């Protein structure tokens, strides 16, 4: 092997590292990660469930430690609302999510919320936020988007996508519009399978692509791909691994020149049949610049992925120029980040937005004493994780119940002589919630229904509150209206 060969191999290894965003457990950077950062690793993706975010103070210390070893991207999923990592995973976010912001439909307020979110991220050293979700949620049964979307109208989603991108980047944090080409028209979850989006180019142009065009025009520094099968475009290949989706549609048709990031490659929709290293190679060939590996992908996955990328270059599958192209784009993003000034957090905006988002149907009763609050069982959105939700903080004797036989009778017995509130979350997706609410309303027509997901299922003539989200801010806004606080 000649000196030139060694230099070339070393350069390729560094370029390959410069595409990877792995994860790690705990709140202290491990030695292997610091070594990889010194060798050119692009950065990291932080996850609450792996213990990266025990507190804002610990996170700030963690990111400071990372920066002693390099100049990394520090990425996180902080959407506000139901998908929150920055402390909200323990207590619920102080900011409502996109559905509530779409219900208010004040782009200035959306910009203010995202600027404040960005400010809080910048304070703890996060510089790349995997938000906003700009999916147009046209499928009510969508198990993974739902309240993460601004709504089902492309024009509404577009104006709030632009506002969210602008607000985030005013705080000195790079925004990342997701999940390209759009995850809203499917009832499958790409964590578990490859969702089908049965839409041709004409429909995509009228629906899914409208918000992405708006985000691009607003200057989004990054776009995240989704692991979606669009047969008319990708011919069965997930968009993350498809040159037709990334290079053809996003780069050439939409004219996007910024950084393209993959959704987590550990997800079934990307790597279920081929493994993360091969999925990484295919994503790079397709045109991705940064590879988010997933919450449980650490040193071993990094080594295997680097070997796969190196082998792909040696065999001619992956051009070194493609890696250099990715490095140029990520380099420009780091230059942009270096020139940003931080903003001030504005947490008051969160509660203001949540209050404005609540929609009330019917006349709220005036109770003598506190009502009994019943919170129903709801399957957690995989992207959200086990984030606390509900009115429990304002109702100390709140009870949890499902639609099992006898549940309604037990609730009614406890509620004798008191007002009654039943709290739902995406009841249209949970038969048990609908069964319990129906039984309670049959026996107690004065029951007040609070929906903290999408308000798709509405039971008869009941007094009904829709919060458009289950963040702490949404819960407080509802509790105030119910006289619980």
Protein backbone atom coordinates (compact mmCIF):
# COMPACT_ATOMS: atom_id res chain seq x y z
CA UNK A 1 0.00 0.00 0.00
CA UNK A 2 1.43 3.37 -1.02
CA UNK A 3 1.51 6.56 1.01
CA UNK A 4 -1.21 7.97 -1.28
CA UNK A 5 -3.38 4.91 -0.64
CA UNK A 6 -2.98 5.34 3.12
CA UNK A 7 -3.82 9.02 2.89
CA UNK A 8 -6.86 8.29 0.78
CA UNK A 9 -8.05 5.57 3.18
CA UNK A 10 -7.59 7.95 6.11
CA UNK A 11 -9.48 10.71 4.32
CA UNK A 12 -12.37 8.40 3.46
CA UNK A 13 -12.58 7.19 7.07
CA UNK A 14 -12.76 10.79 8.30
CA UNK A 15 -15.37 11.71 5.69
CA UNK A 16 -17.41 8.64 6.68
CA UNK A 17 -17.27 9.60 10.36
CA UNK A 18 -18.45 13.04 9.37
CA UNK A 19 -21.83 11.61 8.35
CA UNK A 20 -22.67 9.77 11.60
CA UNK A 21 -24.90 10.87 14.49
CA UNK A 22 -24.83 7.93 16.92
CA UNK A 23 -26.18 7.85 20.46
CA UNK A 24 -24.76 6.80 23.81
CA UNK A 25 -26.15 5.89 27.23
CA UNK A 26 -26.08 8.14 30.27
CA UNK A 27 -25.23 11.76 30.98
CA UNK A 28 -21.45 11.44 30.65
CA UNK A 29 -19.77 11.06 27.24
CA UNK A 30 -17.98 7.70 27.10
CA UNK A 31 -14.33 7.49 26.06
CA UNK A 32 -15.08 5.81 22.73
CA UNK A 33 -17.35 8.69 21.77
CA UNK A 34 -14.79 11.36 22.63
CA UNK A 35 -12.19 9.44 20.59
CA UNK A 36 -14.57 9.29 17.62
CA UNK A 37 -15.29 13.02 17.88
CA UNK A 38 -11.57 13.74 17.82
CA UNK A 39 -11.36 11.53 14.71
CA UNK A 40 -14.05 13.52 12.91
CA UNK A 41 -17.42 12.12 14.04
CA UNK A 42 -20.21 14.48 12.93
CA UNK A 43 -21.89 14.59 16.31
CA UNK A 44 -24.52 12.84 18.41
CA UNK A 45 -28.26 12.43 18.76
CA UNK A 46 -29.53 12.77 22.31
CA UNK A 47 -32.42 10.71 23.69
CA UNK A 48 -34.24 11.07 26.99
CA UNK A 49 -34.88 7.34 27.34
CA UNK A 50 -31.16 6.57 27.25
CA UNK A 51 -30.50 8.89 30.18
CA UNK A 52 -28.92 11.73 28.21
CA UNK A 53 -31.24 14.38 29.69
CA UNK A 54 -31.60 13.92 33.47
CA UNK A 55 -31.82 17.70 33.89
CA UNK A 56 -31.04 20.84 31.90
CA UNK A 57 -27.97 21.43 34.07
CA UNK A 58 -26.64 17.92 33.45
CA UNK A 59 -27.31 18.27 29.72
CA UNK A 60 -25.37 21.54 29.58
CA UNK A 61 -22.41 19.83 31.28
CA UNK A 62 -22.68 16.91 28.86
CA UNK A 63 -22.62 19.07 25.73
CA UNK A 64 -19.72 21.10 27.12
CA UNK A 65 -17.81 17.85 27.52
CA UNK A 66 -18.56 16.86 23.94
CA UNK A 67 -17.21 20.16 22.65
CA UNK A 68 -13.87 19.61 24.33
CA UNK A 69 -13.33 16.76 21.87
CA UNK A 70 -14.55 18.42 18.68
CA UNK A 71 -17.09 20.65 17.00
CA UNK A 72 -20.10 18.33 16.98
CA UNK A 73 -23.67 18.61 15.92
CA UNK A 74 -25.70 17.98 19.06
CA UNK A 75 -29.14 16.91 17.86
CA UNK A 76 -32.38 16.19 19.68
CA UNK A 77 -36.11 15.69 19.00
CA UNK A 78 -37.71 18.61 20.81
CA UNK A 79 -41.06 19.36 19.20
CA UNK A 80 -42.80 20.64 22.29
CA UNK A 81 -46.20 19.08 22.89
CA UNK A 82 -46.27 15.30 23.06
CA UNK A 83 -42.71 14.77 21.75
CA UNK A 84 -40.42 16.41 24.26
CA UNK A 85 -36.95 15.60 25.53
CA UNK A 86 -35.73 18.72 27.34
CA UNK A 87 -37.10 18.05 30.82
CA UNK A 88 -40.65 17.69 29.54
CA UNK A 89 -40.27 13.92 29.29
CA UNK A 90 -40.50 13.87 33.08
CA UNK A 91 -43.29 16.38 33.66
CA UNK A 92 -44.77 17.24 30.26
CA UNK A 93 -43.75 20.12 28.04
CA UNK A 94 -44.51 23.74 28.97
CA UNK A 95 -45.12 24.31 25.26
CA UNK A 96 -48.11 22.92 23.34
CA UNK A 97 -47.41 20.95 20.21
CA UNK A 98 -48.20 21.61 16.59
CA UNK A 99 -51.88 20.59 16.60
CA UNK A 100 -52.65 23.22 19.23
CA UNK A 101 -50.67 25.83 17.32
CA UNK A 102 -52.55 24.93 14.17
CA UNK A 103 -55.86 25.25 16.01
CA UNK A 104 -54.92 28.78 17.12
CA UNK A 105 -53.61 29.53 13.61
CA UNK A 106 -51.48 32.49 14.58
CA UNK A 107 -48.12 32.10 12.77
CA UNK A 108 -46.64 34.88 14.90
CA UNK A 109 -47.39 32.83 18.01
CA UNK A 110 -45.93 29.69 16.43
CA UNK A 111 -42.75 31.61 15.63
CA UNK A 112 -42.61 32.83 19.22
CA UNK A 113 -43.06 29.30 20.62
CA UNK A 114 -40.34 27.83 18.44
CA UNK A 115 -37.98 30.72 19.15
CA UNK A 116 -38.40 30.03 22.87
CA UNK A 117 -37.90 26.29 22.36
CA UNK A 118 -34.76 27.06 20.38
CA UNK A 119 -33.52 29.39 23.10
CA UNK A 120 -33.88 26.66 25.72
CA UNK A 121 -32.00 24.22 23.50
CA UNK A 122 -29.21 26.69 22.82
CA UNK A 123 -28.82 27.31 26.56
CA UNK A 124 -27.91 23.65 27.10
CA UNK A 125 -25.69 23.32 24.05
CA UNK A 126 -28.04 21.69 21.53
CA UNK A 127 -27.58 23.14 18.05
CA UNK A 128 -29.70 20.92 15.75
CA UNK A 129 -33.37 20.31 16.52
CA UNK A 130 -35.20 17.56 14.65
CA UNK A 131 -38.30 19.75 14.35
CA UNK A 132 -40.70 20.95 13.15
CA UNK A 133 -42.82 18.09 11.89
CA UNK A 134 -44.37 19.52 8.74
CA UNK A 135 -46.40 16.42 7.83
CA UNK A 136 -49.95 17.05 6.59
CA UNK A 137 -51.95 14.68 8.80
CA UNK A 138 -54.74 13.53 6.48
CA UNK A 139 -55.18 10.07 8.06
CA UNK A 140 -57.10 10.23 11.34
CA UNK A 141 -55.77 6.81 12.35
CA UNK A 142 -52.13 7.80 11.84
CA UNK A 143 -50.43 6.22 14.87
CA UNK A 144 -47.24 8.27 14.89
CA UNK A 145 -48.08 11.81 13.67
CA UNK A 146 -51.50 12.95 14.94
CA UNK A 147 -51.05 15.96 17.22
CA UNK A 148 -47.47 16.36 16.00
CA UNK A 149 -48.87 17.90 12.81
CA UNK A 150 -50.15 21.45 12.53
CA UNK A 151 -53.22 20.06 10.79
CA UNK A 152 -54.67 18.46 7.68
CA UNK A 153 -54.75 21.52 5.43
CA UNK A 154 -51.53 21.96 3.40
CA UNK A 155 -51.74 25.75 3.35
CA UNK A 156 -52.17 25.94 7.14
CA UNK A 157 -49.31 23.51 7.72
CA UNK A 158 -47.13 25.49 5.30
CA UNK A 159 -47.54 28.85 7.03
CA UNK A 160 -46.79 27.32 10.42
CA UNK A 161 -43.87 25.31 9.02
CA UNK A 162 -42.29 28.56 7.86
CA UNK A 163 -42.98 30.24 11.20
CA UNK A 164 -41.51 27.32 13.19
CA UNK A 165 -38.35 27.22 11.06
CA UNK A 166 -37.90 30.98 11.38
CA UNK A 167 -38.43 30.99 15.14
CA UNK A 168 -36.06 28.09 15.77
CA UNK A 169 -33.28 29.61 13.73
CA UNK A 170 -33.72 33.05 15.27
CA UNK A 171 -32.53 31.33 18.47
CA UNK A 172 -29.33 30.13 16.80
CA UNK A 173 -30.44 26.51 16.46
CA UNK A 174 -30.75 24.75 13.12
CA UNK A 175 -34.28 23.61 12.28
CA UNK A 176 -34.93 20.28 10.57
CA UNK A 177 -38.24 19.96 8.71
CA UNK A 178 -39.53 16.38 8.72
CA UNK A 179 -40.53 13.68 7.61
CA UNK A 180 -39.88 14.11 3.88
CA UNK A 181 -41.80 13.55 1.64
CA UNK A 182 -44.56 13.48 4.30
CA UNK A 183 -45.74 10.94 6.89
CA UNK A 184 -49.31 12.18 7.34
CA UNK A 185 -51.26 10.10 4.82
CA UNK A 186 -50.55 6.65 6.26
CA UNK A 187 -51.90 4.52 9.10
CA UNK A 188 -48.60 2.67 9.60
CA UNK A 189 -45.67 3.56 11.85
CA UNK A 190 -42.20 3.57 10.25
CA UNK A 191 -40.75 2.44 13.59
CA UNK A 192 -42.45 -0.90 12.92
CA UNK A 193 -42.80 -1.25 9.13
CA UNK A 194 -42.43 0.62 5.84
CA UNK A 195 -45.57 2.78 5.60
CA UNK A 196 -47.28 3.10 2.25
CA UNK A 197 -48.12 6.57 0.96
CA UNK A 198 -50.26 5.97 -2.12
CA UNK A 199 -49.74 9.33 -3.81
CA UNK A 200 -48.40 10.31 -7.19
CA UNK A 201 -46.40 13.42 -7.93
CA UNK A 202 -49.47 15.55 -8.68
CA UNK A 203 -51.07 14.77 -5.31
CA UNK A 204 -47.76 15.21 -3.49
CA UNK A 205 -47.39 18.64 -5.05
CA UNK A 206 -50.87 19.63 -3.83
CA UNK A 207 -50.52 18.15 -0.36
CA UNK A 208 -47.30 16.77 1.17
CA UNK A 209 -44.78 18.98 -0.59
CA UNK A 210 -46.50 22.31 0.11
CA UNK A 211 -45.15 22.64 3.68
CA UNK A 212 -41.69 21.43 2.66
CA UNK A 213 -41.52 24.11 0.00
CA UNK A 214 -42.52 26.67 2.64
CA UNK A 215 -39.88 25.41 5.07
CA UNK A 216 -37.23 25.54 2.36
CA UNK A 217 -38.25 29.08 1.39
CA UNK A 218 -38.00 30.02 5.08
CA UNK A 219 -34.40 28.83 5.05
CA UNK A 220 -34.54 25.57 6.98
CA UNK A 221 -30.98 24.41 7.48
CA UNK A 222 -31.91 20.71 7.47
CA UNK A 223 -34.60 18.34 6.20
CA UNK A 224 -35.19 14.86 7.62
CA UNK A 225 -36.24 11.97 5.42
CA UNK A 226 -38.97 9.50 6.36
CA UNK A 227 -38.83 5.75 5.84
CA UNK A 228 -41.83 5.83 3.50
CA UNK A 229 -42.74 3.81 0.44
CA UNK A 230 -44.23 6.00 -2.29
CA UNK A 231 -44.62 3.50 -5.16
CA UNK A 232 -45.09 6.22 -7.76
CA UNK A 233 -41.78 7.82 -6.75
CA UNK A 234 -39.58 5.31 -4.93
CA UNK A 235 -40.94 2.08 -6.47
CA UNK A 236 -41.01 0.17 -3.20
CA UNK A 237 -37.81 1.57 -1.70
CA UNK A 238 -38.10 3.61 1.52
CA UNK A 239 -37.61 7.31 0.75
CA UNK A 240 -34.56 7.46 3.05
CA UNK A 241 -32.81 4.96 0.78
CA UNK A 242 -34.17 6.26 -2.52
CA UNK A 243 -32.17 8.47 -4.92
CA UNK A 244 -35.46 9.30 -6.63
CA UNK A 245 -36.83 10.75 -3.38
CA UNK A 246 -33.72 12.46 -2.00
CA UNK A 247 -31.76 13.53 -5.07
CA UNK A 248 -34.58 13.61 -7.61
CA UNK A 249 -37.47 15.02 -5.59
CA UNK A 250 -35.89 16.99 -2.75
CA UNK A 251 -32.69 18.23 -4.37
CA UNK A 252 -33.68 18.65 -8.00
CA UNK A 253 -37.42 19.28 -8.02
CA UNK A 254 -37.67 21.31 -4.79
CA UNK A 255 -34.24 22.87 -5.23
CA UNK A 256 -33.15 22.19 -1.66
CA UNK A 257 -29.42 22.77 -1.08
CA UNK A 258 -29.08 22.32 2.68
CA UNK A 259 -28.29 19.32 4.86
CA UNK A 260 -30.38 16.16 4.55
CA UNK A 261 -30.63 14.00 7.69
CA UNK A 262 -32.13 10.53 7.90
CA UNK A 263 -34.70 9.54 10.46
CA UNK A 264 -33.29 6.96 12.88
CA UNK A 265 -31.88 4.10 10.84
CA UNK A 266 -32.60 1.52 13.53
CA UNK A 267 -36.28 1.81 12.64
CA UNK A 268 -37.86 -1.16 10.91
CA UNK A 269 -38.84 1.00 7.93
CA UNK A 270 -35.18 1.66 7.11
CA UNK A 271 -33.05 -1.26 8.23
CA UNK A 272 -35.39 -4.08 9.21
CA UNK A 273 -34.44 -6.27 6.26
CA UNK A 274 -30.85 -5.12 5.67
CA UNK A 275 -29.31 -3.88 8.91
CA UNK A 276 -28.07 -0.43 9.91
CA UNK A 277 -24.64 -0.50 8.17
CA UNK A 278 -26.16 -1.37 4.78
CA UNK A 279 -29.00 1.09 5.29
CA UNK A 280 -26.37 3.76 6.00
CA UNK A 281 -24.57 3.04 2.75
CA UNK A 282 -27.78 3.15 0.75
CA UNK A 283 -28.87 6.41 2.38
CA UNK A 284 -25.55 8.02 1.48
CA UNK A 285 -25.81 6.78 -2.10
CA UNK A 286 -29.33 8.20 -2.25
CA UNK A 287 -28.05 11.62 -1.20
CA UNK A 288 -28.30 11.89 2.59
CA UNK A 289 -25.61 13.91 4.40
CA UNK A 290 -26.11 12.94 8.05
CA UNK A 291 -27.17 9.55 9.38
CA UNK A 292 -29.13 9.37 12.64
CA UNK A 293 -28.40 5.82 13.82
CA UNK A 294 -30.95 5.46 16.64
CA UNK A 295 -31.19 5.46 20.44
CA UNK A 296 -29.43 2.15 21.04
CA UNK A 297 -26.72 2.42 18.40
CA UNK A 298 -23.38 3.04 20.06
CA UNK A 299 -19.69 2.11 19.50
CA UNK A 300 -20.26 -1.27 17.88
CA UNK A 301 -22.74 0.11 15.36
CA UNK A 302 -20.41 3.01 14.57
CA UNK A 303 -17.54 0.61 13.83
CA UNK A 304 -19.69 -1.66 11.67
CA UNK A 305 -21.13 1.29 9.77
CA UNK A 306 -17.70 2.80 9.11
CA UNK A 307 -16.54 -0.57 7.78
CA UNK A 308 -19.57 -0.81 5.51
CA UNK A 309 -19.06 2.71 4.14
CA UNK A 310 -15.36 2.07 3.55
CA UNK A 311 -16.12 -1.18 1.73
CA UNK A 312 -18.75 0.57 -0.41
CA UNK A 313 -16.15 3.14 -1.47
CA UNK A 314 -13.53 0.47 -2.21
CA UNK A 315 -15.93 -1.52 -4.39
CA UNK A 316 -17.22 1.53 -6.25
CA UNK A 317 -20.78 1.46 -4.91
CA UNK A 318 -20.30 4.78 -3.11
CA UNK A 319 -18.33 7.60 -4.68
CA UNK A 320 -15.83 9.50 -2.53
CA UNK A 321 -17.27 12.62 -4.15
CA UNK A 322 -20.63 11.84 -2.53
CA UNK A 323 -18.91 11.86 0.88
CA UNK A 324 -17.11 15.10 0.03
CA UNK A 325 -20.42 16.62 -1.04
CA UNK A 326 -21.93 15.69 2.34
CA UNK A 327 -18.91 17.17 4.12
CA UNK A 328 -19.27 20.45 2.24
CA UNK A 329 -22.91 20.77 3.24
CA UNK A 330 -22.35 19.90 6.89
CA UNK A 331 -19.38 22.26 6.91
CA UNK A 332 -21.56 25.12 5.71
CA UNK A 333 -24.07 24.32 8.43
CA UNK A 334 -21.36 24.48 11.09
CA UNK A 335 -20.25 27.84 9.71
CA UNK A 336 -23.84 29.06 9.96
CA UNK A 337 -24.12 27.85 13.55
CA UNK A 338 -20.88 29.58 14.51
CA UNK A 339 -22.31 32.92 13.46
CA UNK A 340 -25.60 32.72 15.36
CA UNK A 341 -26.62 34.74 18.41
CA UNK A 342 -28.87 33.21 21.11
CA UNK A 343 -32.38 34.39 21.98
CA UNK A 344 -34.20 34.58 25.30
CA UNK A 345 -36.64 31.89 26.40
CA UNK A 346 -40.28 32.94 26.66
CA UNK A 347 -42.14 30.24 28.56
CA UNK A 348 -45.21 32.43 29.00
CA UNK A 349 -45.87 31.87 25.31
CA UNK A 350 -46.53 28.19 25.97
CA UNK A 351 -49.44 28.63 28.34
CA UNK A 352 -50.82 31.49 26.27
CA UNK A 353 -50.89 29.25 23.19
CA UNK A 354 -52.43 26.33 25.11
CA UNK A 355 -55.20 28.54 26.49
CA UNK A 356 -55.99 29.93 23.05
CA UNK A 357 -56.08 26.43 21.56
CA UNK A 358 -58.79 24.95 23.81
CA UNK A 359 -62.17 24.58 22.13
CA UNK A 360 -65.27 24.15 24.32
CA UNK A 361 -68.58 22.75 23.11
CA UNK A 362 -71.52 23.26 25.50
CA UNK A 363 -71.75 25.10 28.81
CA UNK A 364 -69.31 24.11 31.53
CA UNK A 365 -71.11 23.25 34.80
CA UNK A 366 -70.49 25.04 38.08
CA UNK A 367 -69.66 22.30 40.57
CA UNK A 368 -69.97 22.43 44.34
CA UNK A 369 -66.60 20.97 45.24
CA UNK A 370 -64.04 19.31 43.01
CA UNK A 371 -65.26 16.84 40.38
CA UNK A 372 -63.92 13.32 40.09
CA UNK A 373 -61.44 13.18 37.20
CA UNK A 374 -61.17 9.87 35.33
CA UNK A 375 -58.19 9.43 33.01
CA UNK A 376 -58.46 6.71 30.40
CA UNK A 377 -55.77 4.32 29.25
CA UNK A 378 -54.05 5.27 25.99
CA UNK A 379 -51.32 3.56 24.01
CA UNK A 380 -48.23 5.76 23.90
CA UNK A 381 -47.02 7.09 20.58
CA UNK A 382 -43.60 5.45 20.03
CA UNK A 383 -42.06 8.79 19.09
CA UNK A 384 -43.42 10.44 22.24
CA UNK A 385 -42.46 7.74 24.71
CA UNK A 386 -43.89 7.49 28.23
CA UNK A 387 -44.28 11.24 28.83
CA UNK A 388 -46.72 12.06 31.67
CA UNK A 389 -50.09 13.46 30.62
CA UNK A 390 -53.53 14.17 32.03
CA UNK A 391 -55.12 16.35 34.69
CA UNK A 392 -53.68 14.47 37.66
CA UNK A 393 -51.49 17.36 38.90
CA UNK A 394 -54.67 19.38 39.49
CA UNK A 395 -56.86 16.49 40.65
CA UNK A 396 -55.14 14.60 43.48
CA UNK A 397 -57.76 11.84 43.64
CA UNK A 398 -57.93 11.29 39.86
CA UNK A 399 -58.40 7.66 38.85
CA UNK A 400 -57.23 5.68 35.82
CA UNK A 401 -59.71 3.44 34.07
CA UNK A 402 -60.18 1.53 30.85
CA UNK A 403 -63.20 0.12 29.06
CA UNK A 404 -63.15 -3.26 30.79
CA UNK A 405 -66.35 -4.72 32.20
CA UNK A 406 -67.25 -3.08 35.48
CA UNK A 407 -64.93 -0.09 35.07
CA UNK A 408 -67.77 2.37 34.49
CA UNK A 409 -69.72 1.09 37.51
CA UNK A 410 -66.70 1.54 39.77
CA UNK A 411 -66.20 5.09 38.52
CA UNK A 412 -69.86 5.96 38.96
CA UNK A 413 -69.80 4.69 42.52
CA UNK A 414 -66.81 6.91 43.36
CA UNK A 415 -68.40 9.89 41.60
CA UNK A 416 -71.66 9.78 43.54
CA UNK A 417 -72.59 13.28 44.63
CA UNK A 418 -69.74 14.87 42.64
CA UNK A 419 -69.19 16.26 39.20
CA UNK A 420 -67.53 13.91 36.73
CA UNK A 421 -64.83 14.54 34.11
CA UNK A 422 -63.51 11.86 31.75
CA UNK A 423 -60.21 12.54 30.03
CA UNK A 424 -59.55 10.91 26.66
CA UNK A 425 -56.55 10.85 24.34
CA UNK A 426 -57.20 10.02 20.69
CA UNK A 427 -60.45 8.25 21.55
CA UNK A 428 -61.06 7.60 17.85
CA UNK A 429 -58.15 5.14 18.02
CA UNK A 430 -59.10 3.40 21.30
CA UNK A 431 -62.29 1.36 21.62
CA UNK A 432 -61.87 1.12 25.39
CA UNK A 433 -61.91 4.89 25.79
CA UNK A 434 -65.03 5.22 23.69
CA UNK A 435 -66.77 2.41 25.56
CA UNK A 436 -66.00 3.92 28.97
CA UNK A 437 -67.01 7.43 27.95
CA UNK A 438 -70.25 6.19 26.41
CA UNK A 439 -71.14 4.19 29.52
CA UNK A 440 -70.43 7.14 31.82
CA UNK A 441 -72.46 9.53 29.69
CA UNK A 442 -75.37 7.12 29.54
CA UNK A 443 -75.56 7.02 33.34
CA UNK A 444 -74.36 10.57 33.92
CA UNK A 445 -75.24 12.89 31.01
CA UNK A 446 -73.60 15.73 32.96
CA UNK A 447 -70.18 14.11 32.49
CA UNK A 448 -67.69 16.54 30.95
CA UNK A 449 -65.43 15.05 28.26
CA UNK A 450 -61.88 16.32 27.78
CA UNK A 451 -60.06 15.14 24.64
CA UNK A 452 -56.29 15.60 24.82
CA UNK A 453 -55.51 14.10 21.43
CA UNK A 454 -57.13 14.84 18.10
CA UNK A 455 -60.85 15.67 18.53
CA UNK A 456 -62.13 13.20 15.95
CA UNK A 457 -64.65 11.22 18.07
CA UNK A 458 -67.25 13.39 19.81
CA UNK A 459 -69.86 11.70 22.01
CA UNK A 460 -73.33 13.07 21.38
CA UNK A 461 -74.32 16.26 23.15
CA UNK A 462 -71.78 16.05 25.98
CA UNK A 463 -69.95 19.14 27.21
CA UNK A 464 -66.66 18.71 25.39
CA UNK A 465 -63.22 20.29 25.72
CA UNK A 466 -60.60 19.73 23.01
CA UNK A 467 -57.04 20.70 23.97
CA UNK A 468 -55.27 19.50 20.78
CA UNK A 469 -52.45 17.97 22.77
CA UNK A 470 -51.41 16.42 26.06
CA UNK A 471 -48.50 18.65 27.07
CA UNK A 472 -48.39 20.10 30.56
CA UNK A 473 -49.43 23.45 29.11
CA UNK A 474 -52.50 21.89 27.46
CA UNK A 475 -53.43 20.16 30.71
CA UNK A 476 -53.16 23.37 32.73
CA UNK A 477 -55.30 25.26 30.22
CA UNK A 478 -58.04 22.62 30.56
CA UNK A 479 -57.71 22.46 34.36
CA UNK A 480 -58.22 26.22 34.55
CA UNK A 481 -61.44 26.05 32.55
CA UNK A 482 -62.69 23.19 34.72
CA UNK A 483 -61.99 25.15 37.90
CA UNK A 484 -59.37 22.68 39.10
CA UNK A 485 -56.77 25.40 39.62
